[in-house]
Full PDB file with SEQRES, HELIX, SHEET, SSBOND, CRYST1, ORIGX, SCALE, CONECT and MASTER records, all heavy atoms in Angstrom:
SEQRES   1 A   37  ASP HIS THR ILE SER TYR ASP GLN ILE ALA LEU LEU GLU          
SEQRES   2 A   37  GLU LYS LEU LYS GLN TYR CYS LYS VAL ALA TYR LYS ILE          
SEQRES   3 A   37  LYS VAL TYR PRO GLY GLN VAL HIS GLY PHE ALA                  
HELIX    1 AA1 TYR A    6  TYR A   19  1                                  14    
CRYST1    1.000    1.000    1.000  90.00  90.00  90.00 P 1           1          
ORIGX1      1.000000  0.000000  0.000000        0.00000                         
ORIGX2      0.000000  1.000000  0.000000        0.00000                         
ORIGX3      0.000000  0.000000  1.000000        0.00000                         
SCALE1      1.000000  0.000000  0.000000        0.00000                         
SCALE2      0.000000  1.000000  0.000000        0.00000                         
SCALE3      0.000000  0.000000  1.000000        0.00000                         
ATOM      1  N   ASP A   1     127.300 108.328  86.142  1.00  0.00           N  
ATOM      2  CA  ASP A   1     126.185 109.233  86.225  1.00  0.00           C  
ATOM      3  C   ASP A   1     126.343 109.931  87.672  1.00  0.00           C  
ATOM      4  O   ASP A   1     126.258 109.264  88.701  1.00  0.00           O  
ATOM      5  CB  ASP A   1     124.941 108.404  86.270  1.00  0.00           C  
ATOM      6  CG  ASP A   1     123.651 109.216  86.386  1.00  0.00           C  
ATOM      7  OD1 ASP A   1     123.791 110.311  86.807  1.00  0.00           O  
ATOM      8  OD2 ASP A   1     122.559 108.682  85.973  1.00  0.00           O  
ATOM      9  N   HIS A   2     126.663 111.229  87.575  1.00  0.00           N  
ATOM     10  CA  HIS A   2     126.843 111.911  88.878  1.00  0.00           C  
ATOM     11  C   HIS A   2     125.623 112.347  89.576  1.00  0.00           C  
ATOM     12  O   HIS A   2     125.711 113.032  90.605  1.00  0.00           O  
ATOM     13  CB  HIS A   2     127.931 113.091  88.663  1.00  0.00           C  
ATOM     14  CG  HIS A   2     127.324 114.229  88.064  1.00  0.00           C  
ATOM     15  ND1 HIS A   2     126.483 114.242  87.004  1.00  0.00           N  
ATOM     16  CD2 HIS A   2     127.428 115.662  88.345  1.00  0.00           C  
ATOM     17  CE1 HIS A   2     126.058 115.505  86.671  1.00  0.00           C  
ATOM     18  NE2 HIS A   2     126.733 116.258  87.465  1.00  0.00           N  
ATOM     19  N   THR A   3     124.469 111.918  89.082  1.00  0.00           N  
ATOM     20  CA  THR A   3     123.246 112.191  89.850  1.00  0.00           C  
ATOM     21  C   THR A   3     122.827 110.995  90.774  1.00  0.00           C  
ATOM     22  O   THR A   3     121.957 111.082  91.557  1.00  0.00           O  
ATOM     23  CB  THR A   3     122.080 112.466  88.927  1.00  0.00           C  
ATOM     24  OG1 THR A   3     121.685 111.223  88.207  1.00  0.00           O  
ATOM     25  CG2 THR A   3     122.345 113.587  87.974  1.00  0.00           C  
ATOM     26  N   ILE A   4     123.507 109.827  90.435  1.00  0.00           N  
ATOM     27  CA  ILE A   4     123.160 108.621  91.216  1.00  0.00           C  
ATOM     28  C   ILE A   4     124.454 107.970  91.678  1.00  0.00           C  
ATOM     29  O   ILE A   4     125.265 107.570  90.896  1.00  0.00           O  
ATOM     30  CB  ILE A   4     122.324 107.646  90.357  1.00  0.00           C  
ATOM     31  CG1 ILE A   4     121.048 108.264  89.869  1.00  0.00           C  
ATOM     32  CG2 ILE A   4     122.072 106.315  91.139  1.00  0.00           C  
ATOM     33  CD1 ILE A   4     120.446 107.601  88.692  1.00  0.00           C  
ATOM     34  N   SER A   5     124.689 107.905  92.961  1.00  0.00           N  
ATOM     35  CA  SER A   5     125.902 107.426  93.576  1.00  0.00           C  
ATOM     36  C   SER A   5     125.873 105.862  93.560  1.00  0.00           C  
ATOM     37  O   SER A   5     124.877 105.315  93.629  1.00  0.00           O  
ATOM     38  CB  SER A   5     126.205 108.052  94.887  1.00  0.00           C  
ATOM     39  OG  SER A   5     125.361 107.458  95.817  1.00  0.00           O  
ATOM     40  N   TYR A   6     127.124 105.401  93.586  1.00  0.00           N  
ATOM     41  CA  TYR A   6     127.287 103.922  93.667  1.00  0.00           C  
ATOM     42  C   TYR A   6     126.693 103.454  94.982  1.00  0.00           C  
ATOM     43  O   TYR A   6     126.052 102.296  95.042  1.00  0.00           O  
ATOM     44  CB  TYR A   6     128.723 103.598  93.648  1.00  0.00           C  
ATOM     45  CG  TYR A   6     128.959 102.063  93.608  1.00  0.00           C  
ATOM     46  CD1 TYR A   6     128.614 101.304  92.530  1.00  0.00           C  
ATOM     47  CD2 TYR A   6     129.294 101.360  94.799  1.00  0.00           C  
ATOM     48  CE1 TYR A   6     128.753  99.890  92.605  1.00  0.00           C  
ATOM     49  CE2 TYR A   6     129.408 100.064  94.855  1.00  0.00           C  
ATOM     50  CZ  TYR A   6     129.179  99.275  93.702  1.00  0.00           C  
ATOM     51  OH  TYR A   6     129.252  97.874  93.761  1.00  0.00           O  
ATOM     52  N   ASP A   7     126.761 104.218  96.001  1.00  0.00           N  
ATOM     53  CA  ASP A   7     126.120 103.809  97.295  1.00  0.00           C  
ATOM     54  C   ASP A   7     124.633 103.602  97.257  1.00  0.00           C  
ATOM     55  O   ASP A   7     123.968 102.733  97.823  1.00  0.00           O  
ATOM     56  CB  ASP A   7     126.475 104.829  98.392  1.00  0.00           C  
ATOM     57  CG  ASP A   7     127.960 105.001  98.736  1.00  0.00           C  
ATOM     58  OD1 ASP A   7     128.679 104.135  98.217  1.00  0.00           O  
ATOM     59  OD2 ASP A   7     128.309 105.955  99.455  1.00  0.00           O  
ATOM     60  N   GLN A   8     124.034 104.548  96.421  1.00  0.00           N  
ATOM     61  CA  GLN A   8     122.556 104.468  96.299  1.00  0.00           C  
ATOM     62  C   GLN A   8     122.228 103.146  95.545  1.00  0.00           C  
ATOM     63  O   GLN A   8     121.209 102.452  95.875  1.00  0.00           O  
ATOM     64  CB  GLN A   8     122.012 105.606  95.460  1.00  0.00           C  
ATOM     65  CG  GLN A   8     121.946 106.934  96.251  1.00  0.00           C  
ATOM     66  CD  GLN A   8     121.463 108.027  95.340  1.00  0.00           C  
ATOM     67  OE1 GLN A   8     122.220 108.344  94.451  1.00  0.00           O  
ATOM     68  NE2 GLN A   8     120.362 108.547  95.587  1.00  0.00           N  
ATOM     69  N   ILE A   9     122.967 102.811  94.565  1.00  0.00           N  
ATOM     70  CA  ILE A   9     122.666 101.589  93.758  1.00  0.00           C  
ATOM     71  C   ILE A   9     122.920 100.383  94.640  1.00  0.00           C  
ATOM     72  O   ILE A   9     122.089  99.398  94.616  1.00  0.00           O  
ATOM     73  CB  ILE A   9     123.600 101.566  92.542  1.00  0.00           C  
ATOM     74  CG1 ILE A   9     123.324 102.803  91.554  1.00  0.00           C  
ATOM     75  CG2 ILE A   9     123.394 100.220  91.789  1.00  0.00           C  
ATOM     76  CD1 ILE A   9     124.248 103.007  90.406  1.00  0.00           C  
ATOM     77  N   ALA A  10     123.934 100.320  95.433  1.00  0.00           N  
ATOM     78  CA  ALA A  10     124.302  99.193  96.362  1.00  0.00           C  
ATOM     79  C   ALA A  10     123.165  99.117  97.338  1.00  0.00           C  
ATOM     80  O   ALA A  10     122.682  97.934  97.699  1.00  0.00           O  
ATOM     81  CB  ALA A  10     125.627  99.431  97.124  1.00  0.00           C  
ATOM     82  N   LEU A  11     122.666 100.155  97.833  1.00  0.00           N  
ATOM     83  CA  LEU A  11     121.552 100.059  98.838  1.00  0.00           C  
ATOM     84  C   LEU A  11     120.279  99.556  98.151  1.00  0.00           C  
ATOM     85  O   LEU A  11     119.563  98.751  98.773  1.00  0.00           O  
ATOM     86  CB  LEU A  11     121.225 101.443  99.393  1.00  0.00           C  
ATOM     87  CG  LEU A  11     120.241 101.452 100.639  1.00  0.00           C  
ATOM     88  CD1 LEU A  11     120.789 100.738 101.802  1.00  0.00           C  
ATOM     89  CD2 LEU A  11     119.915 102.892 101.015  1.00  0.00           C  
ATOM     90  N   LEU A  12     119.973 100.020  96.982  1.00  0.00           N  
ATOM     91  CA  LEU A  12     118.829  99.466  96.167  1.00  0.00           C  
ATOM     92  C   LEU A  12     118.927  98.016  96.042  1.00  0.00           C  
ATOM     93  O   LEU A  12     117.903  97.297  96.299  1.00  0.00           O  
ATOM     94  CB  LEU A  12     118.757 100.166  94.793  1.00  0.00           C  
ATOM     95  CG  LEU A  12     117.747  99.705  93.838  1.00  0.00           C  
ATOM     96  CD1 LEU A  12     116.341 100.118  94.323  1.00  0.00           C  
ATOM     97  CD2 LEU A  12     117.929 100.202  92.435  1.00  0.00           C  
ATOM     98  N   GLU A  13     120.111  97.534  95.727  1.00  0.00           N  
ATOM     99  CA  GLU A  13     120.284  96.062  95.540  1.00  0.00           C  
ATOM    100  C   GLU A  13     120.023  95.330  96.817  1.00  0.00           C  
ATOM    101  O   GLU A  13     119.399  94.267  96.920  1.00  0.00           O  
ATOM    102  CB  GLU A  13     121.782  95.810  95.060  1.00  0.00           C  
ATOM    103  CG  GLU A  13     122.025  94.380  94.664  1.00  0.00           C  
ATOM    104  CD  GLU A  13     122.774  94.317  93.360  1.00  0.00           C  
ATOM    105  OE1 GLU A  13     123.662  95.156  93.159  1.00  0.00           O  
ATOM    106  OE2 GLU A  13     122.500  93.377  92.549  1.00  0.00           O  
ATOM    107  N   GLU A  14     120.576  95.840  97.997  1.00  0.00           N  
ATOM    108  CA  GLU A  14     120.482  95.222  99.296  1.00  0.00           C  
ATOM    109  C   GLU A  14     118.967  95.180  99.724  1.00  0.00           C  
ATOM    110  O   GLU A  14     118.517  94.124 100.194  1.00  0.00           O  
ATOM    111  CB  GLU A  14     121.249  96.101 100.259  1.00  0.00           C  
ATOM    112  CG  GLU A  14     121.332  95.650 101.624  1.00  0.00           C  
ATOM    113  CD  GLU A  14     121.947  96.682 102.530  1.00  0.00           C  
ATOM    114  OE1 GLU A  14     123.098  97.308 102.191  1.00  0.00           O  
ATOM    115  OE2 GLU A  14     121.372  96.996 103.635  1.00  0.00           O  
ATOM    116  N   LYS A  15     118.251  96.292  99.514  1.00  0.00           N  
ATOM    117  CA  LYS A  15     116.859  96.310  99.844  1.00  0.00           C  
ATOM    118  C   LYS A  15     115.964  95.473  99.046  1.00  0.00           C  
ATOM    119  O   LYS A  15     115.053  94.852  99.467  1.00  0.00           O  
ATOM    120  CB  LYS A  15     116.379  97.818  99.780  1.00  0.00           C  
ATOM    121  CG  LYS A  15     117.013  98.713 100.782  1.00  0.00           C  
ATOM    122  CD  LYS A  15     116.526  98.557 102.134  1.00  0.00           C  
ATOM    123  CE  LYS A  15     117.030  99.651 103.039  1.00  0.00           C  
ATOM    124  NZ  LYS A  15     116.590  99.353 104.533  1.00  0.00           N  
ATOM    125  N   LEU A  16     116.253  95.387  97.710  1.00  0.00           N  
ATOM    126  CA  LEU A  16     115.472  94.519  96.841  1.00  0.00           C  
ATOM    127  C   LEU A  16     115.708  93.073  97.254  1.00  0.00           C  
ATOM    128  O   LEU A  16     114.710  92.322  97.288  1.00  0.00           O  
ATOM    129  CB  LEU A  16     115.920  94.740  95.339  1.00  0.00           C  
ATOM    130  CG  LEU A  16     115.502  96.015  94.707  1.00  0.00           C  
ATOM    131  CD1 LEU A  16     116.029  96.243  93.339  1.00  0.00           C  
ATOM    132  CD2 LEU A  16     113.931  96.168  94.634  1.00  0.00           C  
ATOM    133  N   LYS A  17     116.907  92.736  97.591  1.00  0.00           N  
ATOM    134  CA  LYS A  17     117.155  91.359  98.043  1.00  0.00           C  
ATOM    135  C   LYS A  17     116.283  91.012  99.226  1.00  0.00           C  
ATOM    136  O   LYS A  17     115.805  89.952  99.435  1.00  0.00           O  
ATOM    137  CB  LYS A  17     118.657  91.274  98.399  1.00  0.00           C  
ATOM    138  CG  LYS A  17     119.329  90.072  97.930  1.00  0.00           C  
ATOM    139  CD  LYS A  17     120.792  90.039  98.157  1.00  0.00           C  
ATOM    140  CE  LYS A  17     121.554  90.053  96.824  1.00  0.00           C  
ATOM    141  NZ  LYS A  17     122.950  90.531  96.925  1.00  0.00           N  
ATOM    142  N   GLN A  18     116.108  92.062 100.092  1.00  0.00           N  
ATOM    143  CA  GLN A  18     115.417  91.832 101.344  1.00  0.00           C  
ATOM    144  C   GLN A  18     113.866  91.791 101.163  1.00  0.00           C  
ATOM    145  O   GLN A  18     113.149  90.996 101.765  1.00  0.00           O  
ATOM    146  CB  GLN A  18     115.637  93.029 102.259  1.00  0.00           C  
ATOM    147  CG  GLN A  18     115.473  92.863 103.758  1.00  0.00           C  
ATOM    148  CD  GLN A  18     115.841  94.155 104.531  1.00  0.00           C  
ATOM    149  OE1 GLN A  18     116.650  94.942 104.105  1.00  0.00           O  
ATOM    150  NE2 GLN A  18     115.233  94.335 105.643  1.00  0.00           N  
ATOM    151  N   TYR A  19     113.276  92.716 100.287  1.00  0.00           N  
ATOM    152  CA  TYR A  19     111.789  92.890 100.178  1.00  0.00           C  
ATOM    153  C   TYR A  19     111.203  92.455  98.900  1.00  0.00           C  
ATOM    154  O   TYR A  19     109.983  92.254  98.907  1.00  0.00           O  
ATOM    155  CB  TYR A  19     111.522  94.418 100.341  1.00  0.00           C  
ATOM    156  CG  TYR A  19     111.745  94.946 101.751  1.00  0.00           C  
ATOM    157  CD1 TYR A  19     112.923  95.756 101.930  1.00  0.00           C  
ATOM    158  CD2 TYR A  19     111.011  94.735 102.751  1.00  0.00           C  
ATOM    159  CE1 TYR A  19     113.236  96.255 103.208  1.00  0.00           C  
ATOM    160  CE2 TYR A  19     111.258  95.310 104.007  1.00  0.00           C  
ATOM    161  CZ  TYR A  19     112.344  95.980 104.188  1.00  0.00           C  
ATOM    162  OH  TYR A  19     112.639  96.522 105.511  1.00  0.00           O  
ATOM    163  N   CYS A  20     111.974  92.303  97.861  1.00  0.00           N  
ATOM    164  CA  CYS A  20     111.290  92.018  96.594  1.00  0.00           C  
ATOM    165  C   CYS A  20     111.054  90.636  96.363  1.00  0.00           C  
ATOM    166  O   CYS A  20     111.944  89.732  96.448  1.00  0.00           O  
ATOM    167  CB  CYS A  20     112.178  92.583  95.409  1.00  0.00           C  
ATOM    168  SG  CYS A  20     111.419  92.563  93.852  1.00  0.00           S  
ATOM    169  N   LYS A  21     109.770  90.290  95.913  1.00  0.00           N  
ATOM    170  CA  LYS A  21     109.342  88.841  95.762  1.00  0.00           C  
ATOM    171  C   LYS A  21     109.219  88.500  94.305  1.00  0.00           C  
ATOM    172  O   LYS A  21     108.876  87.389  93.950  1.00  0.00           O  
ATOM    173  CB  LYS A  21     108.037  88.640  96.481  1.00  0.00           C  
ATOM    174  CG  LYS A  21     108.012  88.983  97.960  1.00  0.00           C  
ATOM    175  CD  LYS A  21     106.609  88.995  98.559  1.00  0.00           C  
ATOM    176  CE  LYS A  21     106.544  89.448  99.949  1.00  0.00           C  
ATOM    177  NZ  LYS A  21     106.774  90.896 100.094  1.00  0.00           N  
ATOM    178  N   VAL A  22     109.581  89.338  93.429  1.00  0.00           N  
ATOM    179  CA  VAL A  22     109.455  89.111  91.974  1.00  0.00           C  
ATOM    180  C   VAL A  22     110.944  89.173  91.364  1.00  0.00           C  
ATOM    181  O   VAL A  22     111.817  89.686  92.048  1.00  0.00           O  
ATOM    182  CB  VAL A  22     108.508  90.050  91.302  1.00  0.00           C  
ATOM    183  CG1 VAL A  22     107.078  89.861  91.724  1.00  0.00           C  
ATOM    184  CG2 VAL A  22     108.918  91.497  91.403  1.00  0.00           C  
ATOM    185  N   ALA A  23     110.994  88.886  90.110  1.00  0.00           N  
ATOM    186  CA  ALA A  23     112.314  88.923  89.392  1.00  0.00           C  
ATOM    187  C   ALA A  23     112.747  90.448  89.299  1.00  0.00           C  
ATOM    188  O   ALA A  23     111.879  91.301  89.063  1.00  0.00           O  
ATOM    189  CB  ALA A  23     112.173  88.399  88.027  1.00  0.00           C  
ATOM    190  N   TYR A  24     114.013  90.718  89.498  1.00  0.00           N  
ATOM    191  CA  TYR A  24     114.546  92.100  89.398  1.00  0.00           C  
ATOM    192  C   TYR A  24     115.958  91.943  88.881  1.00  0.00           C  
ATOM    193  O   TYR A  24     116.686  90.861  89.065  1.00  0.00           O  
ATOM    194  CB  TYR A  24     114.439  92.938  90.569  1.00  0.00           C  
ATOM    195  CG  TYR A  24     115.212  92.456  91.703  1.00  0.00           C  
ATOM    196  CD1 TYR A  24     116.672  92.794  91.851  1.00  0.00           C  
ATOM    197  CD2 TYR A  24     114.839  91.516  92.746  1.00  0.00           C  
ATOM    198  CE1 TYR A  24     117.475  92.363  92.893  1.00  0.00           C  
ATOM    199  CE2 TYR A  24     115.670  91.060  93.748  1.00  0.00           C  
ATOM    200  CZ  TYR A  24     116.928  91.422  93.804  1.00  0.00           C  
ATOM    201  OH  TYR A  24     117.762  90.962  94.790  1.00  0.00           O  
ATOM    202  N   LYS A  25     116.539  93.053  88.309  1.00  0.00           N  
ATOM    203  CA  LYS A  25     117.896  93.080  87.925  1.00  0.00           C  
ATOM    204  C   LYS A  25     118.413  94.487  87.999  1.00  0.00           C  
ATOM    205  O   LYS A  25     117.626  95.404  87.754  1.00  0.00           O  
ATOM    206  CB  LYS A  25     117.888  92.533  86.442  1.00  0.00           C  
ATOM    207  CG  LYS A  25     119.278  92.417  85.835  1.00  0.00           C  
ATOM    208  CD  LYS A  25     119.145  91.750  84.431  1.00  0.00           C  
ATOM    209  CE  LYS A  25     120.422  91.924  83.642  1.00  0.00           C  
ATOM    210  NZ  LYS A  25     120.188  91.355  82.273  1.00  0.00           N  
ATOM    211  N   ILE A  26     119.708  94.564  88.422  1.00  0.00           N  
ATOM    212  CA  ILE A  26     120.300  95.841  88.398  1.00  0.00           C  
ATOM    213  C   ILE A  26     121.665  95.715  87.614  1.00  0.00           C  
ATOM    214  O   ILE A  26     122.342  94.742  87.736  1.00  0.00           O  
ATOM    215  CB  ILE A  26     120.660  96.235  89.852  1.00  0.00           C  
ATOM    216  CG1 ILE A  26     119.504  96.482  90.642  1.00  0.00           C  
ATOM    217  CG2 ILE A  26     121.566  97.598  89.791  1.00  0.00           C  
ATOM    218  CD1 ILE A  26     119.750  96.813  92.123  1.00  0.00           C  
ATOM    219  N   LYS A  27     121.806  96.674  86.637  1.00  0.00           N  
ATOM    220  CA  LYS A  27     123.021  96.539  85.852  1.00  0.00           C  
ATOM    221  C   LYS A  27     123.627  97.986  85.666  1.00  0.00           C  
ATOM    222  O   LYS A  27     122.865  98.967  85.452  1.00  0.00           O  
ATOM    223  CB  LYS A  27     122.758  95.909  84.488  1.00  0.00           C  
ATOM    224  CG  LYS A  27     124.001  95.574  83.702  1.00  0.00           C  
ATOM    225  CD  LYS A  27     123.635  94.632  82.545  1.00  0.00           C  
ATOM    226  CE  LYS A  27     124.897  94.548  81.653  1.00  0.00           C  
ATOM    227  NZ  LYS A  27     124.627  93.656  80.520  1.00  0.00           N  
ATOM    228  N   VAL A  28     124.929  98.107  85.885  1.00  0.00           N  
ATOM    229  CA  VAL A  28     125.586  99.356  85.697  1.00  0.00           C  
ATOM    230  C   VAL A  28     126.541  99.289  84.475  1.00  0.00           C  
ATOM    231  O   VAL A  28     127.323  98.325  84.458  1.00  0.00           O  
ATOM    232  CB  VAL A  28     126.394  99.711  87.046  1.00  0.00           C  
ATOM    233  CG1 VAL A  28     127.179 101.035  86.855  1.00  0.00           C  
ATOM    234  CG2 VAL A  28     125.564  99.680  88.271  1.00  0.00           C  
ATOM    235  N   TYR A  29     126.493 100.235  83.579  1.00  0.00           N  
ATOM    236  CA  TYR A  29     127.270 100.162  82.361  1.00  0.00           C  
ATOM    237  C   TYR A  29     128.485 101.096  82.450  1.00  0.00           C  
ATOM    238  O   TYR A  29     128.361 102.250  82.777  1.00  0.00           O  
ATOM    239  CB  TYR A  29     126.299 100.622  81.229  1.00  0.00           C  
ATOM    240  CG  TYR A  29     125.148  99.619  80.986  1.00  0.00           C  
ATOM    241  CD1 TYR A  29     124.092  99.667  81.857  1.00  0.00           C  
ATOM    242  CD2 TYR A  29     125.318  98.613  80.022  1.00  0.00           C  
ATOM    243  CE1 TYR A  29     123.019  98.783  81.787  1.00  0.00           C  
ATOM    244  CE2 TYR A  29     124.208  97.751  79.937  1.00  0.00           C  
ATOM    245  CZ  TYR A  29     123.111  97.752  80.786  1.00  0.00           C  
ATOM    246  OH  TYR A  29     122.153  96.855  80.621  1.00  0.00           O  
ATOM    247  N   PRO A  30     129.650 100.351  82.241  1.00  0.00           N  
ATOM    248  CA  PRO A  30     130.897 101.172  82.428  1.00  0.00           C  
ATOM    249  C   PRO A  30     131.051 102.507  81.687  1.00  0.00           C  
ATOM    250  O   PRO A  30     130.643 102.502  80.448  1.00  0.00           O  
ATOM    251  CB  PRO A  30     131.929 100.175  81.951  1.00  0.00           C  
ATOM    252  CG  PRO A  30     131.275  98.793  81.963  1.00  0.00           C  
ATOM    253  CD  PRO A  30     129.776  99.074  81.781  1.00  0.00           C  
ATOM    254  N   GLY A  31     131.518 103.400  82.389  1.00  0.00           N  
ATOM    255  CA  GLY A  31     131.829 104.730  81.675  1.00  0.00           C  
ATOM    256  C   GLY A  31     130.724 105.576  81.153  1.00  0.00           C  
ATOM    257  O   GLY A  31     130.924 106.629  80.532  1.00  0.00           O  
ATOM    258  N   GLN A  32     129.445 105.158  81.535  1.00  0.00           N  
ATOM    259  CA  GLN A  32     128.293 105.852  80.978  1.00  0.00           C  
ATOM    260  C   GLN A  32     127.713 106.938  81.819  1.00  0.00           C  
ATOM    261  O   GLN A  32     127.636 106.764  83.099  1.00  0.00           O  
ATOM    262  CB  GLN A  32     127.247 104.836  80.542  1.00  0.00           C  
ATOM    263  CG  GLN A  32     127.726 103.873  79.548  1.00  0.00           C  
ATOM    264  CD  GLN A  32     128.381 104.544  78.331  1.00  0.00           C  
ATOM    265  OE1 GLN A  32     127.701 105.302  77.593  1.00  0.00           O  
ATOM    266  NE2 GLN A  32     129.686 104.279  78.194  1.00  0.00           N  
ATOM    267  N   VAL A  33     127.439 108.089  81.206  1.00  0.00           N  
ATOM    268  CA  VAL A  33     126.784 109.184  81.999  1.00  0.00           C  
ATOM    269  C   VAL A  33     125.320 109.127  81.963  1.00  0.00           C  
ATOM    270  O   VAL A  33     124.720 108.315  81.219  1.00  0.00           O  
ATOM    271  CB  VAL A  33     127.286 110.580  81.436  1.00  0.00           C  
ATOM    272  CG1 VAL A  33     128.846 110.655  81.591  1.00  0.00           C  
ATOM    273  CG2 VAL A  33     126.886 110.795  79.974  1.00  0.00           C  
ATOM    274  N   HIS A  34     124.691 110.032  82.684  1.00  0.00           N  
ATOM    275  CA  HIS A  34     123.173 110.134  82.756  1.00  0.00           C  
ATOM    276  C   HIS A  34     122.646 110.376  81.329  1.00  0.00           C  
ATOM    277  O   HIS A  34     123.151 111.126  80.535  1.00  0.00           O  
ATOM    278  CB  HIS A  34     122.794 111.324  83.646  1.00  0.00           C  
ATOM    279  CG  HIS A  34     121.388 111.308  84.085  1.00  0.00           C  
ATOM    280  ND1 HIS A  34     120.926 110.549  85.137  1.00  0.00           N  
ATOM    281  CD2 HIS A  34     120.307 111.889  83.530  1.00  0.00           C  
ATOM    282  CE1 HIS A  34     119.677 110.758  85.266  1.00  0.00           C  
ATOM    283  NE2 HIS A  34     119.232 111.490  84.296  1.00  0.00           N  
ATOM    284  N   GLY A  35     121.639 109.588  81.052  1.00  0.00           N  
ATOM    285  CA  GLY A  35     120.948 109.775  79.633  1.00  0.00           C  
ATOM    286  C   GLY A  35     121.680 108.955  78.598  1.00  0.00           C  
ATOM    287  O   GLY A  35     121.224 109.166  77.389  1.00  0.00           O  
ATOM    288  N   PHE A  36     122.604 108.120  78.823  1.00  0.00           N  
ATOM    289  CA  PHE A  36     123.407 107.499  77.776  1.00  0.00           C  
ATOM    290  C   PHE A  36     122.536 106.674  76.838  1.00  0.00           C  
ATOM    291  O   PHE A  36     122.850 106.530  75.596  1.00  0.00           O  
ATOM    292  CB  PHE A  36     124.557 106.708  78.334  1.00  0.00           C  
ATOM    293  CG  PHE A  36     124.253 105.351  78.944  1.00  0.00           C  
ATOM    294  CD1 PHE A  36     124.317 104.222  78.197  1.00  0.00           C  
ATOM    295  CD2 PHE A  36     123.694 105.222  80.228  1.00  0.00           C  
ATOM    296  CE1 PHE A  36     124.044 103.000  78.721  1.00  0.00           C  
ATOM    297  CE2 PHE A  36     123.408 104.049  80.775  1.00  0.00           C  
ATOM    298  CZ  PHE A  36     123.576 102.883  80.092  1.00  0.00           C  
ATOM    299  N   ALA A  37     121.586 106.023  77.323  1.00  0.00           N  
ATOM    300  CA  ALA A  37     120.780 104.992  76.498  1.00  0.00           C  
ATOM    301  C   ALA A  37     119.837 105.490  75.446  1.00  0.00           C  
ATOM    302  O   ALA A  37     119.331 104.714  74.727  1.00  0.00           O  
ATOM    303  CB  ALA A  37     120.165 103.960  77.467  1.00  0.00           C  
TER     304      ALA A  37                                                      
MASTER        0    0    0    1    0    0    0    6  303    1    0    3          
END                                                                             
């Protein structure tokens, strides 16, 4: 997905680890472009 960089996703993960008090999950699907699902 060229609208969302890997760095942004990594930062989201880091910040959720720091601030989020509920269950969360992040998953990146190989080879998939924006709108794939």
